[in-house]
Protein backbone atom coordinates (compact mmCIF):
# COMPACT_ATOMS: atom_id res chain seq x y z
CA MET A 1 -28.52 -6.06 -0.77
CA ASP A 2 -26.47 -5.88 -3.92
CA SER A 3 -26.48 -9.57 -5.80
CA ARG A 4 -23.25 -8.90 -7.18
CA SER A 5 -20.06 -10.37 -5.35
CA ILE A 6 -17.57 -9.39 -2.14
CA LEU A 7 -14.02 -8.99 -2.77
CA VAL A 8 -12.09 -9.62 0.34
CA PHE A 9 -8.73 -8.39 -0.45
CA GLY A 10 -6.59 -9.78 2.00
CA ALA A 11 -5.99 -13.59 3.21
CA GLY A 12 -4.64 -12.52 6.93
CA ALA A 13 -6.31 -13.38 9.37
CA ILE A 14 -9.32 -10.48 9.27
CA GLY A 15 -9.66 -11.11 5.37
CA SER A 16 -10.07 -14.46 6.66
CA ALA A 17 -12.50 -13.93 9.01
CA PHE A 18 -14.78 -11.76 6.34
CA ALA A 19 -15.02 -14.19 3.91
CA GLY A 20 -15.38 -17.47 5.82
CA PHE A 21 -18.15 -16.59 7.66
CA LEU A 22 -19.89 -14.39 4.57
CA ALA A 23 -19.46 -17.43 2.80
CA ARG A 24 -20.75 -19.73 4.76
CA ALA A 25 -23.71 -17.24 5.35
CA GLY A 26 -24.29 -17.64 1.79
CA SER A 27 -23.32 -13.92 0.50
CA PRO A 28 -21.31 -14.12 -2.87
CA VAL A 29 -17.72 -13.71 -1.59
CA VAL A 30 -13.90 -14.55 -3.30
CA LEU A 31 -11.16 -14.27 -0.91
CA TYR A 32 -7.84 -12.54 -2.94
CA GLY A 33 -4.27 -13.64 -1.72
CA ARG A 34 -1.26 -16.57 -2.00
CA GLY A 35 0.93 -17.86 0.48
CA PRO A 36 0.44 -21.45 2.13
CA HIS A 37 -3.47 -20.58 4.17
CA TRP A 38 -4.48 -19.13 0.97
CA GLU A 39 -3.65 -21.99 -0.58
CA ALA A 40 -5.25 -23.92 1.96
CA VAL A 41 -7.81 -22.65 1.89
CA ARG A 42 -8.48 -23.29 -2.35
CA ARG A 43 -7.67 -26.57 -1.97
CA GLY A 44 -10.05 -27.70 1.39
CA GLY A 45 -12.12 -24.44 2.49
CA LEU A 46 -11.11 -22.77 5.93
CA ASP A 47 -12.06 -23.73 9.02
CA LEU A 48 -13.90 -21.24 11.46
CA GLU A 49 -13.00 -21.64 15.01
CA GLY A 50 -13.32 -19.70 18.01
CA ILE A 51 -15.58 -17.68 20.31
CA TRP A 52 -18.50 -17.33 17.48
CA GLY A 53 -18.31 -21.18 17.02
CA ASP A 54 -16.65 -24.19 15.19
CA HIS A 55 -17.21 -24.53 11.78
CA ALA A 56 -14.93 -26.67 9.63
CA GLY A 57 -14.09 -26.50 5.59
CA VAL A 58 -16.31 -24.11 5.01
CA SER A 59 -15.66 -23.40 1.21
CA VAL A 60 -14.73 -20.34 -0.29
CA ALA A 61 -14.18 -19.18 -3.33
CA THR A 62 -10.69 -17.81 -3.97
CA LEU A 63 -8.35 -15.49 -6.58
CA GLY A 64 -5.34 -15.55 -7.23
CA GLU A 65 -3.07 -13.29 -8.85
CA GLY A 66 -3.23 -12.77 -12.60
CA GLU A 67 -6.63 -14.57 -12.59
CA PRO A 68 -9.41 -12.82 -14.04
CA TRP A 69 -12.49 -11.51 -11.85
CA PRO A 70 -15.44 -14.21 -12.68
CA GLY A 71 -18.16 -11.88 -13.56
CA PRO A 72 -18.96 -8.42 -13.08
CA ALA A 73 -17.41 -6.03 -11.37
CA PRO A 74 -17.72 -6.34 -6.67
CA SER A 75 -19.81 -4.08 -5.37
CA ALA A 76 -17.61 -3.91 -2.82
CA ILE A 77 -13.94 -4.37 -1.70
CA LEU A 78 -12.99 -4.74 1.84
CA LEU A 79 -9.04 -4.35 2.58
CA ALA A 80 -7.83 -6.33 4.94
CA VAL A 81 -4.44 -5.48 4.54
CA LYS A 82 -1.18 -4.12 6.72
CA SER A 83 -1.77 0.04 6.74
CA TYR A 84 1.63 0.12 5.59
CA ALA A 85 0.35 -1.59 2.34
CA THR A 86 -2.73 0.42 1.93
CA GLU A 87 -1.54 2.49 -1.33
CA ILE A 88 0.26 -0.60 -2.99
CA ALA A 89 -3.11 -2.76 -2.37
CA ALA A 90 -5.73 0.44 -3.45
CA HIS A 91 -3.54 0.11 -6.62
CA ALA A 92 -3.96 -3.82 -7.18
CA ALA A 93 -7.53 -4.05 -6.11
CA ALA A 94 -8.34 -1.11 -8.60
CA ARG A 95 -7.96 -3.30 -11.77
CA PHE A 96 -11.43 -5.39 -10.37
CA ALA A 97 -13.38 -2.57 -9.90
CA ASP A 98 -15.93 -0.49 -12.20
CA GLU A 99 -17.08 2.80 -10.68
CA ASP A 100 -19.76 1.95 -8.37
CA THR A 101 -17.29 -0.31 -6.57
CA TRP A 102 -16.44 0.82 -2.58
CA PHE A 103 -13.56 0.23 -1.00
CA VAL A 104 -14.12 -0.57 2.00
CA SER A 105 -11.04 -0.07 4.55
CA LEU A 106 -11.08 -2.68 8.03
CA GLN A 107 -7.44 -1.69 8.83
CA ASN A 108 -5.83 0.00 11.78
CA GLY A 109 -4.55 3.33 12.30
CA LEU A 110 -5.02 6.45 10.49
CA GLY A 111 -4.17 7.51 6.75
CA ASN A 112 -6.23 4.24 4.90
CA CYS A 113 -9.62 6.40 4.26
CA GLU A 114 -7.37 9.40 3.21
CA ILE A 115 -5.21 7.61 0.68
CA LEU A 116 -8.52 5.81 -1.03
CA GLU A 117 -10.72 8.87 -0.91
CA ALA A 118 -7.45 10.49 -3.32
CA ARG A 119 -7.14 7.17 -5.69
CA PHE A 120 -10.81 6.92 -5.79
CA GLY A 121 -13.03 10.22 -4.59
CA ARG A 122 -15.18 10.61 -0.91
CA ARG A 123 -18.46 8.79 -2.35
CA ARG A 124 -16.45 5.37 -3.11
CA VAL A 125 -15.05 5.08 0.46
CA VAL A 126 -16.76 3.56 3.60
CA GLY A 127 -14.80 3.26 6.68
CA GLY A 128 -14.25 0.40 9.01
CA ARG A 129 -14.25 0.10 12.92
CA VAL A 130 -12.79 -3.76 13.54
CA ILE A 131 -12.32 -4.37 16.93
CA PHE A 132 -12.04 -8.24 17.50
CA GLY A 133 -9.25 -10.55 17.39
CA ALA A 134 -7.71 -13.08 14.79
CA MET A 135 -5.08 -15.50 14.26
CA LEU A 136 -4.20 -18.06 11.78
CA PRO A 137 -3.32 -20.70 13.67
CA ARG A 138 -2.47 -23.43 10.87
CA PRO A 139 -2.90 -22.91 7.33
CA GLY A 140 -6.38 -22.87 6.29
CA ALA A 141 -7.85 -22.16 9.69
CA VAL A 142 -8.80 -19.03 11.05
CA ARG A 143 -9.57 -18.53 15.03
CA ILE A 144 -11.69 -15.77 16.39
CA THR A 145 -10.04 -14.64 19.81
CA VAL A 146 -12.11 -11.79 20.94
CA CYS A 147 -14.22 -8.94 20.29
CA ALA A 148 -14.62 -5.78 22.29
CA ALA A 149 -17.95 -4.46 20.16
CA PRO A 150 -19.34 -4.72 16.90
CA VAL A 151 -17.71 -3.66 13.70
CA MET A 152 -18.84 -0.47 12.51
CA LEU A 153 -19.70 0.65 9.17
CA GLY A 154 -20.00 4.49 7.90
CA PRO A 155 -19.77 6.81 4.91
CA TRP A 156 -16.31 7.92 5.16
CA PRO A 157 -15.56 10.86 6.86
CA GLU A 158 -19.13 11.54 7.73
CA GLY A 159 -22.36 10.78 6.51
CA ALA A 160 -25.72 9.31 7.08
CA PRO A 161 -25.59 5.44 5.91
CA SER A 162 -27.12 4.45 2.74
CA LYS A 163 -29.51 1.83 2.11
CA ARG A 164 -26.58 -0.01 0.46
CA LEU A 165 -24.09 0.19 3.05
CA SER A 166 -27.47 -0.69 5.44
CA ALA A 167 -27.40 -3.85 3.11
CA LEU A 168 -24.03 -4.93 3.49
CA ALA A 169 -23.65 -3.87 7.60
CA ASP A 170 -26.99 -6.45 7.82
CA ALA A 171 -25.31 -9.46 5.31
CA ILE A 172 -21.93 -9.51 7.92
CA ASP A 173 -24.12 -8.92 11.07
CA ARG A 174 -26.41 -12.29 9.81
CA ALA A 175 -23.21 -13.95 9.10
CA ARG A 176 -22.34 -13.90 12.75
CA ILE A 177 -19.93 -10.94 12.49
CA PRO A 178 -21.45 -7.72 14.86
CA CYS A 179 -21.57 -5.09 12.65
CA ARG A 180 -23.56 -1.90 12.75
CA THR A 181 -23.73 1.19 10.29
CA THR A 182 -22.34 4.93 11.86
CA ASP A 183 -23.05 8.58 10.22
CA ARG A 184 -19.25 8.98 12.54
CA ILE A 185 -16.82 6.80 11.11
CA ARG A 186 -13.93 9.09 11.24
CA ALA A 187 -14.71 9.33 15.26
CA TYR A 188 -14.89 5.33 15.68
CA ILE A 189 -10.89 4.80 13.65
CA TRP A 190 -9.96 7.82 16.30
CA ALA A 191 -11.57 5.70 18.86
CA LYS A 192 -9.69 2.48 17.50
CA VAL A 193 -6.38 4.42 17.25
CA LEU A 194 -6.75 5.55 20.40
CA TYR A 195 -7.32 1.99 21.49
CA ASN A 196 -4.55 1.02 19.56
CA CYS A 197 -2.12 3.33 20.69
CA ALA A 198 -2.45 2.36 24.29
CA LEU A 199 -2.37 -1.36 24.27
CA ASN A 200 -0.14 -2.46 21.05
CA PRO A 201 3.03 -0.87 21.46
CA LEU A 202 3.41 -1.67 25.07
CA SER A 203 2.31 -5.27 24.41
CA ALA A 204 4.62 -5.33 22.15
CA LEU A 205 7.83 -4.13 23.83
CA ARG A 206 6.45 -6.08 26.82
CA GLN A 207 5.70 -8.83 24.82
CA CYS A 208 2.47 -9.68 27.39
CA THR A 209 -1.35 -9.62 26.78
CA TYR A 210 -3.35 -6.14 26.88
CA GLY A 211 -5.00 -7.63 30.38
CA GLN A 212 -1.57 -7.82 32.01
CA LEU A 213 -1.19 -3.97 30.98
CA ALA A 214 -3.78 -3.39 32.70
CA GLU A 215 -2.87 -5.26 35.63
CA ASN A 216 0.77 -3.59 35.83
CA PRO A 217 1.02 -0.27 37.68
CA GLU A 218 3.84 1.32 35.15
CA THR A 219 2.14 0.19 32.21
CA ARG A 220 -1.32 1.31 33.30
CA ALA A 221 0.50 4.68 34.48
CA ARG A 222 1.68 5.06 30.30
CA MET A 223 -1.44 4.03 28.57
CA ARG A 224 -2.84 6.71 30.79
CA GLN A 225 -0.67 9.25 29.81
CA VAL A 226 -0.96 7.78 25.49
CA VAL A 227 -4.88 8.17 26.09
CA GLU A 228 -4.16 12.32 27.21
CA GLU A 229 -2.33 12.89 24.03
CA VAL A 230 -4.12 10.90 21.94
CA TYR A 231 -7.10 13.52 22.91
CA ARG A 232 -4.79 16.69 22.55
CA VAL A 233 -3.96 15.55 19.42
CA ALA A 234 -7.92 14.82 18.12
CA ALA A 235 -8.88 18.40 19.38
CA ALA A 236 -5.93 20.13 17.54
CA GLU A 237 -7.17 17.89 14.83
CA GLY A 238 -10.84 18.72 14.97
CA VAL A 239 -11.79 15.68 15.45
CA GLU A 240 -15.28 14.98 18.05
CA MET A 241 -13.92 11.74 20.42
CA LEU A 242 -17.02 9.27 20.74
CA PHE A 243 -15.77 10.38 24.89
CA HIS A 244 -16.34 14.11 26.16
CA ASP A 245 -12.76 13.87 27.49
CA ALA A 246 -9.80 11.49 28.39
CA GLU A 247 -11.01 11.34 31.64
CA SER A 248 -14.61 9.29 30.88
CA TYR A 249 -12.60 7.55 27.86
CA TRP A 250 -10.12 6.07 30.35
CA TRP A 251 -12.49 4.42 32.57
CA HIS A 252 -14.37 3.13 29.87
CA PHE A 253 -11.16 1.78 28.36
CA LEU A 254 -10.66 -0.24 31.58
CA GLU A 255 -14.20 -1.63 32.28
CA GLU A 256 -15.47 -1.98 29.22
CA GLU A 257 -12.90 -2.87 26.60
CA ILE A 258 -10.03 -4.70 28.14
CA PRO A 259 -12.03 -7.47 30.22
CA PRO A 260 -13.14 -8.82 27.09
CA THR A 261 -9.54 -8.45 25.59
CA ALA A 262 -7.72 -9.28 28.31
CA ALA A 263 -6.36 -12.36 27.08
CA HIS A 264 -5.57 -10.57 23.27
CA ARG A 265 -1.92 -10.75 22.22
CA SER A 266 -1.82 -7.76 19.77
CA SER A 267 -1.69 -8.11 16.26
CA MET A 268 1.87 -5.50 16.90
CA LEU A 269 3.11 -8.27 18.77
CA GLN A 270 2.39 -10.96 16.13
CA ALA A 271 4.47 -9.38 13.63
CA VAL A 272 7.93 -8.53 15.75
CA GLU A 273 7.30 -12.35 16.54
CA ALA A 274 7.18 -13.44 13.12
CA GLY A 275 10.01 -10.53 11.96
CA LYS A 276 7.29 -8.43 10.16
CA PRO A 277 7.63 -4.70 10.02
CA THR A 278 4.13 -2.95 12.41
CA GLU A 279 1.97 -0.79 12.19
CA ILE A 280 3.31 1.68 14.32
CA ASP A 281 4.16 4.33 11.97
CA ALA A 282 -0.09 4.50 10.97
CA LEU A 283 -0.50 4.47 15.13
CA SER A 284 2.15 6.67 17.57
CA GLY A 285 3.88 6.91 14.82
CA ALA A 286 0.64 9.24 13.30
CA ILE A 287 -0.06 10.56 16.13
CA VAL A 288 3.28 12.58 16.78
CA LYS A 289 3.54 13.72 13.45
CA LEU A 290 0.31 15.77 14.00
CA ALA A 291 1.17 16.60 17.23
CA GLU A 292 4.28 18.03 15.60
CA LYS A 293 1.63 20.09 12.84
CA HIS A 294 0.21 21.63 15.89
CA GLY A 295 3.47 22.13 17.74
CA LEU A 296 1.64 19.51 20.43
CA PRO A 297 4.57 17.57 23.18
CA VAL A 298 3.47 14.08 22.95
CA PRO A 299 6.37 12.50 25.16
CA ILE A 300 4.88 9.23 25.85
CA ASN A 301 3.79 8.41 21.85
CA ARG A 302 7.22 9.04 20.88
CA GLU A 303 8.89 6.99 22.89
CA LEU A 304 6.36 3.92 22.15
CA ALA A 305 7.07 4.72 18.33
CA GLU A 306 10.87 4.80 18.50
CA SER A 307 11.15 2.20 21.13
CA VAL A 308 9.45 -0.19 18.36
CA ARG A 309 10.69 1.19 15.71
CA GLU A 310 14.23 0.03 17.43
CA LEU A 311 12.22 -3.37 17.65
CA GLU A 312 11.87 -3.80 14.30
CA ARG A 313 14.86 -3.10 13.08
CA ARG A 314 16.43 -5.88 15.74
CA THR A 315 13.78 -8.81 14.54
CA VAL A 316 12.27 -7.42 10.70
CA SER A 317 15.10 -8.90 9.28
CA ARG A 318 14.56 -11.88 10.21
CA GLY A 319 11.60 -12.66 8.19
CA ALA A 320 13.12 -11.31 5.18
CA ARG A 321 10.49 -12.58 3.03
CA GLY A 322 7.40 -11.78 5.48
CA VAL A 323 8.65 -8.28 5.41
CA LEU A 324 7.13 -6.61 1.85
CA MET A 325 4.33 -6.37 0.01
CA LEU A 326 5.65 -5.78 -3.49
CA VAL A 327 2.87 -5.12 -6.06
CA VAL A 328 4.25 -4.67 -9.82
CA LEU A 329 1.04 -4.27 -12.24
CA ASN A 330 0.97 -6.05 -15.31
CA ARG A 331 -0.78 -3.41 -17.73
CA GLY A 332 -0.13 -0.38 -19.52
CA SER A 333 3.29 0.67 -19.52
CA ILE A 334 4.19 0.33 -16.15
CA THR A 335 7.87 -1.46 -15.39
CA ASN A 336 7.93 0.48 -12.17
CA TYR A 337 6.86 1.08 -8.83
CA GLU A 338 7.53 2.36 -6.00
CA LEU A 339 7.89 1.03 -2.38
CA ARG A 340 7.96 3.28 0.90
CA LEU A 341 9.85 1.19 3.85
CA ARG A 342 10.66 2.58 6.95
CA ILE A 343 14.13 0.90 8.02
CA ASP A 344 18.18 1.13 8.52
CA HIS A 345 20.07 1.43 5.02
CA ALA A 346 22.01 -1.77 5.98
CA THR A 347 19.27 -3.76 6.41
CA ALA A 348 17.05 -2.36 3.77
CA ARG A 349 19.75 -3.18 1.02
CA ARG A 350 19.73 -7.17 2.09
CA MET A 351 16.15 -7.17 2.39
CA ILE A 352 15.45 -5.59 -1.08
CA LEU A 353 18.12 -7.53 -3.00
CA SER A 354 17.17 -10.86 -1.35
CA CYS A 355 12.92 -9.89 -2.71
CA VAL A 356 13.67 -8.73 -5.85
CA ALA A 357 15.86 -11.65 -6.35
CA SER A 358 12.56 -13.99 -5.14
CA ALA A 359 10.13 -12.16 -7.53
CA ARG A 360 12.62 -12.15 -11.03
CA GLY A 361 13.67 -15.59 -10.26
CA ARG A 362 16.51 -15.00 -12.51
CA MET A 363 18.32 -11.75 -10.74
CA PRO A 364 21.89 -12.27 -8.35
CA ALA A 365 22.00 -10.66 -5.42
CA ARG A 366 25.06 -8.91 -6.04
CA ARG A 367 23.97 -6.84 -8.64
CA PRO A 368 22.79 -3.39 -6.70
CA SER A 369 22.56 -1.62 -9.56
CA ARG A 370 18.97 -3.26 -9.79
CA MET A 371 17.23 -1.13 -7.18
CA THR A 372 17.82 3.02 -7.17
CA ALA A 373 16.93 4.60 -3.87
CA ILE A 374 15.56 7.81 -4.81
CA ARG A 375 15.29 9.84 -1.57
CA SER A 376 15.54 9.40 1.86
CA ALA A 377 12.80 11.66 3.18
CA MET A 378 13.26 11.38 6.81
CA PRO A 379 15.66 12.48 9.32
CA SER A 380 18.26 9.46 10.21
CA THR A 381 17.57 10.57 13.98
CA SER A 382 17.00 7.47 15.25
CA GLY A 383 18.87 5.40 13.01
CA SER A 384 16.37 4.97 10.45
CA SER A 385 14.94 6.64 7.31
CA GLU A 386 11.95 6.32 5.27
CA LEU A 387 13.25 5.23 1.94
CA ILE A 388 11.43 5.23 -1.58
CA ILE A 389 12.62 2.52 -4.00
CA ARG A 390 12.12 2.40 -7.25
CA ILE A 391 12.52 -1.52 -8.15
CA PRO A 392 12.47 -2.52 -11.95
CA LEU A 393 10.67 -5.48 -12.85
CA PRO A 394 9.00 -6.72 -16.18
CA ALA A 395 5.20 -5.48 -16.81
CA ALA A 396 4.49 -9.31 -17.35
CA LYS A 397 5.67 -9.90 -13.92
CA ARG A 398 3.52 -9.83 -10.84
CA ARG A 399 3.82 -11.09 -7.71
CA PHE A 400 3.44 -10.65 -3.94
CA ILE A 401 6.33 -11.02 -1.85
CA ARG A 402 5.21 -11.82 1.74
């Protein structure tokens, strides 16, 4: 494997799991982040818990905002942030990379690799399919709860894995995170999207586990409809799925994928409970957009996407400090950054003013002139829009709003 370090960008549950197990196995890895959990890891190490074994106080190298990268550019940057933060995170992580650094998406949903490809070029993008579950039970600890299948890594969107990629996968596998390579990573990503679309929205709306969804005849029927709709959209997009048809996948889903994850509470449900935005736009929302492009009806995915967005509008303002990850770069003449979010306008105004006030440390919330809504790009039939907000901040300031 390349002797240079691996940078894990994002100190949530998945990012912490990769950083912790790689560090315990002796791989040169650095965890980038901020907040109470990341600070606890920096102070006292990371406690690994769960189905892959318990290991207390694993020493993990950390990197914080504004700190210089300690040596040659990393060989790979593992992006472990939410899908709605991909573009912002890519912009921020680019300063650590050189022309040989890979960007590896370990994220949910559609569109992440496309964003990375547009910015860094196809040869530097590796797609990842992650289908294990993790949570942060307390600051400084990550718990692995379930694992349905190995992590899959592959050149985006397809192609034979190189020796270098195989070495990265082997390092992850030796670290006790099951990992394999593939020449069909796009198909694996679509398979994970299929799995997530069938489970996550209903799990968030019903506030239940995956197993409970499968046991309920009503939700079971709706999950089957979701699977059929996604298959129709995938066919229209020219995606060759791992299973030939929806019927064969459906029985694999019930018999092989749900049982090992039956007790799992989806990340979408956890986001709703924490008052944070979900990844619905990269899952059911993305399927709806692609269906519209091809003139296909997807009524169940559309209904689920709209229902989760409505749930977000009722809950997300409770976690205003957990809503937005705002990156303001401190290089060159960049003093403005555009932040995209989907939310009703009144709540957006309150949240943005609150977050900007926190970032500046001195801007009173009564000064709305500091934020300018540039464009409302989506119809407001559901009561919300995708806003593009430009927030002026001093170039010397750089901060994540969690």
